[in-house]
Amino acid sequence: MDPVIDIVLEAGLRYTETIEPGAGGRPVRFCRLLADGETPVGELEAHSFRWRFGAVAVDAESIGGVEVQPPFRRRGHMGRLLRQALAGMSRRVDVAMVSDGIRGVYEKFGFTTCVAEGSLEIRVRDVERAADAAVAAAAADTAVRPGGVRVRLGSADDLPAMVGLYNAAHAHRPWTHERRADWNRLVPRTTWRPGSEIRVAEAAGEPVGYAILAGRSFGDGYFGLTVEEMAARDAEAARCLLADVARSAWELRVSDFRVREPLDGVVGRLARQLGCAYHQEFPPTGGMMAAILNRAELLATLEPELRRRDGGAATGTAMDELVGGELIPDNRLLVRLLLGYSCAAETTIPQRHRRTCAAWFPGGATPELPMPYAHVLDRY
């Protein structure tokens, strides 16, 4: 495939970029180093998507699949590759991310950890007890009609409805993707992997929720059960999905299962009522990381969101100082604040701008920013 960029970095070393079909047929930009003509030295992938900062989504790119061939390692080629790729990204987008950064590496290129890893641990018995109580209440009250929501196995035909449910559930959540109508990053079935399993909750023939289960590899001795993603329109849909997953856990003879959802969503709030544990980790480095490539341009796009958070009360001086770097000069801290990973109270702010920054960077869980940072990046 003909490269869209082909640069000679030094004698015997070229840098190229080509656009090729990736997962689901979507185009991916492959960035490569080549030695002595066409000998592969290293490569990475740059993926394009829409990334939420609260109620506003921006164009962004992510880095993945970074690899340097063994004969060329420990010679600085990874640094060369990343610097060239980031230079190209900065001409197309204003912010970049890494979904699984290597500890202590990506900080050298302006990235910082911005998202905590978290998951719900739910006991099967707690879900069953709640289901028994719901059935008893329905039997005692003739106005309550059980069975209004049913759960069935899903398929690729359900993906458009699932995209709509996902986007609605995370419309104001920082860090999540704004999924496109043709999204499909489900894991296919292979010889040793059963692939993604979809459960869809329906009411009156309309999808009102879904769960994506990660099937364990065939022959794997681990008998746990993980729900990689669950979205529900309301608590009743979430309750039915959890009950269906609990039945699957019981068939596997496990007493609890894990759901990769945060506490502040529909599923998380219901799990708290049923009884659950929430495990969260804030890694000091690595993991899900982000970097601001063009500060002024990014803030110009996000200004409506910041104005929404402060109710339009901020002065032009505060915004000018934020763009110019006098207020919060460190881009690493700024992206953590924008995504809600950090809050204004955790950093030093001039007295004259403390009220404004408290509204801009509340760290989530406020009427203006009801959802804190996402617990995970879009895993697919």
Protein backbone atom coordinates (compact mmCIF):
# COMPACT_ATOMS: atom_id res chain seq x y z
CA MET A 1 0.00 0.00 0.00
CA ASP A 2 1.37 3.41 -0.95
CA PRO A 3 2.41 5.50 2.08
CA VAL A 4 0.79 8.86 2.74
CA ILE A 5 4.02 9.93 4.47
CA ASP A 6 7.52 8.75 3.55
CA ILE A 7 10.44 10.51 5.28
CA VAL A 8 14.16 9.69 5.39
CA LEU A 9 15.21 10.21 9.02
CA GLU A 10 18.86 9.32 8.56
CA ALA A 11 20.99 7.17 6.32
CA GLY A 12 19.35 3.75 6.05
CA LEU A 13 16.28 4.63 8.14
CA ARG A 14 12.85 5.74 6.84
CA TYR A 15 9.59 6.66 8.51
CA THR A 16 6.33 5.93 6.71
CA GLU A 17 2.60 6.17 7.38
CA THR A 18 -0.01 4.15 5.51
CA ILE A 19 -3.77 3.97 5.95
CA GLU A 20 -5.04 0.39 5.97
CA PRO A 21 -8.21 -1.46 7.04
CA GLY A 22 -8.24 -2.33 10.71
CA ALA A 23 -10.65 -4.11 13.07
CA GLY A 24 -14.18 -3.99 11.75
CA GLY A 25 -12.92 -2.64 8.43
CA ARG A 26 -12.32 0.85 9.85
CA PRO A 27 -9.19 2.63 8.53
CA VAL A 28 -6.12 2.62 10.77
CA ARG A 29 -2.97 4.66 10.27
CA PHE A 30 0.11 2.43 10.51
CA CYS A 31 3.31 4.26 11.42
CA ARG A 32 6.51 2.36 10.62
CA LEU A 33 10.29 2.60 10.75
CA LEU A 34 12.08 0.81 7.91
CA ALA A 35 15.79 0.10 7.56
CA ASP A 36 17.73 -0.40 4.35
CA GLY A 37 14.73 -0.20 2.08
CA GLU A 38 11.90 -2.30 3.42
CA THR A 39 13.34 -4.10 6.49
CA PRO A 40 10.81 -3.66 9.36
CA VAL A 41 12.28 -1.93 12.41
CA GLY A 42 9.19 -0.95 14.38
CA GLU A 43 5.56 0.05 13.98
CA LEU A 44 2.53 1.39 15.82
CA GLU A 45 -1.13 2.01 15.04
CA ALA A 46 -2.95 5.35 15.28
CA HIS A 47 -6.71 4.96 15.74
CA SER A 48 -9.15 7.83 15.23
CA PHE A 49 -12.27 8.32 17.35
CA ARG A 50 -14.46 10.89 19.11
CA TRP A 51 -13.54 11.29 22.78
CA ARG A 52 -15.78 12.85 25.44
CA PHE A 53 -14.72 15.60 27.81
CA GLY A 54 -18.04 15.86 29.64
CA ALA A 55 -20.85 16.93 27.31
CA VAL A 56 -18.47 17.73 24.44
CA ALA A 57 -16.76 15.17 22.20
CA VAL A 58 -13.55 16.00 20.34
CA ASP A 59 -11.58 14.34 17.57
CA ALA A 60 -8.71 12.35 19.02
CA GLU A 61 -6.26 9.60 18.15
CA SER A 62 -4.89 6.74 20.19
CA ILE A 63 -1.63 4.84 20.02
CA GLY A 64 -1.62 1.06 20.07
CA GLY A 65 0.34 -1.96 18.93
CA VAL A 66 3.76 -0.37 19.53
CA GLU A 67 6.46 -2.85 18.64
CA VAL A 68 10.18 -2.82 17.76
CA GLN A 69 11.71 -5.89 16.15
CA PRO A 70 14.18 -7.76 18.43
CA PRO A 71 17.33 -7.08 16.34
CA PHE A 72 16.69 -3.32 16.57
CA ARG A 73 15.83 -2.97 20.25
CA ARG A 74 17.75 -0.82 22.76
CA ARG A 75 18.85 1.58 20.02
CA GLY A 76 16.33 4.38 20.56
CA HIS A 77 13.99 3.35 17.75
CA MET A 78 10.86 3.35 19.91
CA GLY A 79 11.49 6.99 20.82
CA ARG A 80 12.04 7.92 17.18
CA LEU A 81 8.85 6.16 16.15
CA LEU A 82 6.71 7.79 18.86
CA ARG A 83 8.07 11.28 18.24
CA GLN A 84 7.36 11.06 14.51
CA ALA A 85 3.90 9.62 15.07
CA LEU A 86 2.99 12.27 17.65
CA ALA A 87 4.22 15.04 15.37
CA GLY A 88 1.85 13.81 12.69
CA MET A 89 -1.01 13.41 15.15
CA SER A 90 -0.59 16.99 16.36
CA ARG A 91 -1.35 18.20 12.82
CA ARG A 92 -4.66 16.27 12.80
CA VAL A 93 -5.98 16.32 16.38
CA ASP A 94 -5.42 18.23 19.62
CA VAL A 95 -5.31 15.34 22.10
CA ALA A 96 -3.91 11.81 22.08
CA MET A 97 -4.24 8.79 24.33
CA VAL A 98 -2.75 5.39 25.08
CA SER A 99 -5.12 2.71 26.35
CA ASP A 100 -2.48 0.60 28.08
CA GLY A 101 0.70 2.62 28.52
CA ILE A 102 3.91 0.99 29.71
CA ARG A 103 4.84 2.15 33.20
CA GLY A 104 7.46 4.87 33.25
CA VAL A 105 7.73 5.21 29.45
CA TYR A 106 5.02 7.42 27.99
CA GLU A 107 5.56 10.23 30.49
CA LYS A 108 8.67 11.10 28.46
CA PHE A 109 6.36 11.99 25.56
CA GLY A 110 3.93 14.18 27.48
CA PHE A 111 1.42 11.53 28.56
CA THR A 112 -0.05 11.15 32.04
CA THR A 113 -2.31 8.55 33.64
CA CYS A 114 -5.90 9.86 33.53
CA VAL A 115 -8.30 7.02 34.28
CA ALA A 116 -8.60 4.64 37.20
CA GLU A 117 -9.40 0.97 36.69
CA GLY A 118 -12.49 -0.20 38.52
CA SER A 119 -15.06 -2.98 38.64
CA LEU A 120 -18.08 -4.15 40.62
CA GLU A 121 -17.99 -7.50 42.39
CA ILE A 122 -21.52 -8.82 42.84
CA ARG A 123 -22.60 -11.88 44.81
CA VAL A 124 -24.98 -14.23 43.05
CA ARG A 125 -27.03 -14.71 46.22
CA ASP A 126 -27.63 -10.94 46.57
CA VAL A 127 -29.04 -10.80 43.04
CA GLU A 128 -31.21 -13.86 43.64
CA ARG A 129 -32.55 -12.40 46.90
CA ALA A 130 -33.55 -9.19 45.12
CA ALA A 131 -35.21 -11.17 42.32
CA ASP A 132 -37.21 -13.21 44.87
CA ALA A 133 -38.34 -10.01 46.56
CA ALA A 134 -39.44 -8.52 43.21
CA VAL A 135 -41.49 -11.64 42.41
CA ALA A 136 -43.14 -11.56 45.84
CA ALA A 137 -44.00 -7.87 45.44
CA ALA A 138 -45.48 -8.53 42.02
CA ALA A 139 -47.63 -11.35 43.40
CA ALA A 140 -48.94 -9.12 46.19
CA ASP A 141 -49.74 -6.16 43.92
CA THR A 142 -51.90 -6.87 40.90
CA ALA A 143 -50.91 -3.48 39.43
CA VAL A 144 -47.37 -4.80 39.01
CA ARG A 145 -47.00 -6.98 35.95
CA PRO A 146 -43.85 -9.16 36.11
CA GLY A 147 -42.14 -10.15 32.94
CA GLY A 148 -42.30 -6.71 31.32
CA VAL A 149 -38.56 -7.02 30.55
CA ARG A 150 -37.10 -10.20 29.10
CA VAL A 151 -33.48 -11.09 28.35
CA ARG A 152 -32.39 -12.95 25.25
CA LEU A 153 -29.15 -13.80 23.51
CA GLY A 154 -28.03 -11.00 21.20
CA SER A 155 -26.26 -10.88 17.88
CA ALA A 156 -24.57 -8.43 15.53
CA ASP A 157 -28.05 -7.32 14.44
CA ASP A 158 -28.47 -5.70 17.86
CA LEU A 159 -25.34 -3.54 17.55
CA PRO A 160 -27.08 -0.35 16.30
CA ALA A 161 -29.45 -0.39 19.27
CA MET A 162 -26.54 -1.18 21.61
CA VAL A 163 -24.60 1.81 20.26
CA GLY A 164 -27.58 4.05 20.98
CA LEU A 165 -27.90 2.74 24.54
CA TYR A 166 -24.18 3.13 25.16
CA ASN A 167 -24.05 6.70 23.85
CA ALA A 168 -27.11 7.66 25.92
CA ALA A 169 -25.69 6.08 29.08
CA HIS A 170 -22.37 7.95 28.75
CA ALA A 171 -23.49 11.20 27.12
CA HIS A 172 -21.72 13.31 29.79
CA ARG A 173 -18.98 10.93 30.93
CA PRO A 174 -15.39 12.08 30.38
CA TRP A 175 -12.97 9.72 28.62
CA THR A 176 -15.56 7.49 26.93
CA HIS A 177 -15.79 7.20 23.17
CA GLU A 178 -18.66 8.61 21.19
CA ARG A 179 -19.45 5.45 19.28
CA ARG A 180 -20.35 5.59 15.61
CA ALA A 181 -23.40 3.89 14.18
CA ASP A 182 -21.27 1.16 12.54
CA TRP A 183 -19.34 0.28 15.72
CA ASN A 184 -18.43 -3.39 16.04
CA ARG A 185 -15.44 -4.34 18.13
CA LEU A 186 -16.80 -7.59 19.52
CA VAL A 187 -14.25 -10.37 19.96
CA PRO A 188 -14.85 -13.06 17.32
CA ARG A 189 -15.03 -16.75 18.16
CA THR A 190 -11.82 -18.65 17.41
CA THR A 191 -10.49 -22.14 18.08
CA TRP A 192 -9.54 -21.48 21.68
CA ARG A 193 -11.72 -18.49 22.48
CA PRO A 194 -15.52 -18.49 22.60
CA GLY A 195 -15.61 -14.76 21.76
CA SER A 196 -17.96 -12.08 23.05
CA GLU A 197 -21.41 -13.09 24.21
CA ILE A 198 -24.26 -10.57 24.04
CA ARG A 199 -27.33 -10.51 26.27
CA VAL A 200 -30.10 -8.06 25.31
CA ALA A 201 -32.91 -6.87 27.60
CA GLU A 202 -36.15 -6.07 25.77
CA ALA A 203 -39.38 -4.36 26.78
CA ALA A 204 -42.32 -4.38 24.35
CA GLY A 205 -39.94 -5.63 21.66
CA GLU A 206 -37.52 -2.71 22.11
CA PRO A 207 -33.94 -3.13 23.43
CA VAL A 208 -33.62 -1.36 26.80
CA GLY A 209 -30.28 -2.74 27.91
CA TYR A 210 -27.47 -5.13 27.08
CA ALA A 211 -24.49 -6.91 28.58
CA ILE A 212 -21.30 -8.09 26.86
CA LEU A 213 -19.78 -11.10 28.58
CA ALA A 214 -16.19 -12.17 28.15
CA GLY A 215 -16.11 -15.89 27.62
CA ARG A 216 -13.09 -17.64 29.06
CA SER A 217 -10.75 -19.51 26.76
CA PHE A 218 -11.63 -23.15 26.14
CA GLY A 219 -9.69 -25.30 28.57
CA ASP A 220 -9.00 -22.36 30.88
CA GLY A 221 -9.01 -23.41 34.50
CA TYR A 222 -10.36 -20.03 35.67
CA PHE A 223 -14.08 -20.42 36.31
CA GLY A 224 -14.94 -16.78 36.96
CA LEU A 225 -17.37 -14.68 34.98
CA THR A 226 -16.78 -11.10 33.82
CA VAL A 227 -19.20 -8.67 32.21
CA GLU A 228 -17.02 -6.38 30.11
CA GLU A 229 -19.80 -3.86 29.56
CA MET A 230 -23.39 -3.34 30.63
CA ALA A 231 -25.73 -0.49 29.74
CA ALA A 232 -29.37 -0.14 30.76
CA ARG A 233 -32.06 2.46 30.18
CA ASP A 234 -33.42 2.06 33.72
CA ALA A 235 -33.04 0.08 36.92
CA GLU A 236 -35.54 -2.62 35.88
CA ALA A 237 -33.57 -3.41 32.72
CA ALA A 238 -30.35 -3.52 34.76
CA ARG A 239 -31.98 -5.79 37.34
CA CYS A 240 -33.07 -8.28 34.68
CA LEU A 241 -29.64 -8.31 33.07
CA LEU A 242 -27.90 -8.89 36.41
CA ALA A 243 -30.34 -11.69 37.20
CA ASP A 244 -29.57 -13.34 33.85
CA VAL A 245 -25.81 -13.06 34.44
CA ALA A 246 -26.27 -14.44 37.96
CA ARG A 247 -27.96 -17.53 36.49
CA SER A 248 -24.97 -18.02 34.19
CA ALA A 249 -22.62 -17.67 37.17
CA TRP A 250 -24.64 -20.27 39.06
CA GLU A 251 -24.32 -22.67 36.13
CA LEU A 252 -20.54 -22.17 36.31
CA ARG A 253 -20.69 -22.89 40.04
CA VAL A 254 -19.24 -19.53 41.04
CA SER A 255 -20.62 -17.44 43.89
CA ASP A 256 -19.90 -13.99 42.46
CA PHE A 257 -19.15 -12.26 39.19
CA ARG A 258 -17.43 -9.07 38.07
CA VAL A 259 -18.97 -6.19 36.11
CA ARG A 260 -16.70 -3.54 34.60
CA GLU A 261 -19.01 -0.61 35.32
CA PRO A 262 -18.66 2.44 37.60
CA LEU A 263 -20.70 3.15 40.71
CA ASP A 264 -22.40 6.25 39.34
CA GLY A 265 -24.22 4.65 36.39
CA VAL A 266 -27.58 2.87 36.36
CA VAL A 267 -25.94 -0.53 36.85
CA GLY A 268 -23.61 0.70 39.58
CA ARG A 269 -26.38 2.38 41.58
CA LEU A 270 -28.47 -0.77 41.43
CA ALA A 271 -25.50 -2.94 42.44
CA ARG A 272 -25.02 -0.77 45.53
CA GLN A 273 -28.64 -1.37 46.51
CA LEU A 274 -28.28 -5.12 46.01
CA GLY A 275 -24.94 -5.27 47.79
CA CYS A 276 -21.57 -5.29 46.08
CA ALA A 277 -17.90 -4.50 46.43
CA TYR A 278 -16.20 -1.91 44.24
CA HIS A 279 -12.52 -2.31 43.46
CA GLN A 280 -10.66 0.68 42.07
CA GLU A 281 -6.99 1.33 41.35
CA PHE A 282 -5.26 4.64 40.68
CA PRO A 283 -1.95 3.63 39.07
CA PRO A 284 0.87 6.15 39.50
CA THR A 285 2.04 5.57 35.94
CA GLY A 286 1.07 3.60 32.85
CA GLY A 287 -2.41 2.31 32.13
CA MET A 288 -4.86 4.65 30.43
CA MET A 289 -2.94 7.82 29.56
CA ALA A 290 -3.52 11.06 27.65
CA ALA A 291 -1.49 13.97 26.26
CA ILE A 292 -2.52 17.43 25.10
CA LEU A 293 -0.96 18.11 21.70
CA ASN A 294 -2.41 21.58 21.00
CA ARG A 295 -3.50 23.38 24.15
CA ALA A 296 -5.16 26.49 22.68
CA GLU A 297 -7.08 24.57 20.03
CA LEU A 298 -8.33 21.95 22.51
CA LEU A 299 -9.52 24.59 24.98
CA ALA A 300 -11.28 26.51 22.20
CA THR A 301 -13.29 23.36 21.45
CA LEU A 302 -13.98 22.72 25.15
CA GLU A 303 -14.88 26.30 26.09
CA PRO A 304 -18.67 25.65 25.72
CA GLU A 305 -18.35 22.71 28.14
CA LEU A 306 -16.42 24.80 30.65
CA ARG A 307 -19.01 27.58 30.34
CA ARG A 308 -21.73 25.00 30.95
CA ARG A 309 -20.01 23.88 34.12
CA ASP A 310 -19.61 27.41 35.55
CA GLY A 311 -22.96 28.68 34.34
CA GLY A 312 -21.29 31.38 32.25
CA ALA A 313 -20.00 33.15 35.36
CA ALA A 314 -16.27 32.95 34.54
CA THR A 315 -14.47 36.06 33.36
CA GLY A 316 -12.58 36.27 30.10
CA THR A 317 -9.39 36.73 32.10
CA ALA A 318 -9.63 33.24 33.59
CA MET A 319 -10.10 31.64 30.17
CA ASP A 320 -7.29 33.69 28.63
CA GLU A 321 -4.92 32.68 31.43
CA LEU A 322 -5.94 29.03 31.09
CA VAL A 323 -5.26 29.07 27.33
CA GLY A 324 -1.99 30.98 27.72
CA GLY A 325 -0.67 28.70 30.46
CA GLU A 326 -0.50 31.23 33.29
CA LEU A 327 -3.31 29.34 35.01
CA ILE A 328 -2.42 25.61 35.28
CA PRO A 329 0.75 25.67 33.14
CA ASP A 330 1.31 21.89 33.27
CA ASN A 331 -0.51 20.17 30.39
CA ARG A 332 -0.38 16.85 32.25
CA LEU A 333 -2.28 18.32 35.17
CA LEU A 334 -4.66 20.13 32.84
CA VAL A 335 -5.79 16.99 31.02
CA ARG A 336 -6.33 15.22 34.36
CA LEU A 337 -8.49 18.13 35.49
CA LEU A 338 -10.45 18.25 32.23
CA LEU A 339 -11.23 14.54 32.46
CA GLY A 340 -12.15 14.67 36.15
CA TYR A 341 -9.30 12.45 37.29
CA SER A 342 -8.15 15.33 39.51
CA CYS A 343 -10.08 18.27 40.93
CA ALA A 344 -9.24 21.94 41.52
CA ALA A 345 -9.08 21.40 45.28
CA GLU A 346 -6.06 19.12 44.78
CA THR A 347 -3.89 21.77 43.16
CA THR A 348 -2.77 25.36 43.78
CA ILE A 349 -5.07 27.92 42.16
CA PRO A 350 -4.76 31.72 42.49
CA GLN A 351 -7.38 33.11 44.87
CA ARG A 352 -9.08 35.19 42.17
CA HIS A 353 -9.82 32.10 40.06
CA ARG A 354 -10.63 29.50 42.73
CA ARG A 355 -14.40 29.74 42.35
CA THR A 356 -14.18 29.43 38.57
CA CYS A 357 -11.75 26.51 38.66
CA ALA A 358 -13.85 24.72 41.27
CA ALA A 359 -16.73 24.79 38.75
CA TRP A 360 -14.53 23.90 35.78
CA PHE A 361 -12.69 21.05 37.49
CA PRO A 362 -14.95 19.59 40.18
CA GLY A 363 -13.69 16.05 39.76
CA GLY A 364 -17.17 14.82 38.91
CA ALA A 365 -20.31 14.01 40.92
CA THR A 366 -21.79 17.51 40.76
CA PRO A 367 -25.02 18.75 39.12
CA GLU A 368 -22.94 20.29 36.30
CA LEU A 369 -20.77 17.21 35.84
CA PRO A 370 -22.86 14.36 37.26
CA MET A 371 -20.56 11.55 36.16
CA PRO A 372 -16.93 11.39 37.28
CA TYR A 373 -14.23 10.16 34.96
CA ALA A 374 -14.92 6.83 33.32
CA HIS A 375 -13.60 3.78 35.09
CA VAL A 376 -12.22 2.36 31.83
CA LEU A 377 -11.65 3.38 28.27
CA ASP A 378 -13.89 1.85 25.62
CA ARG A 379 -12.27 -1.60 25.72
CA TYR A 380 -13.25 -2.46 22.19
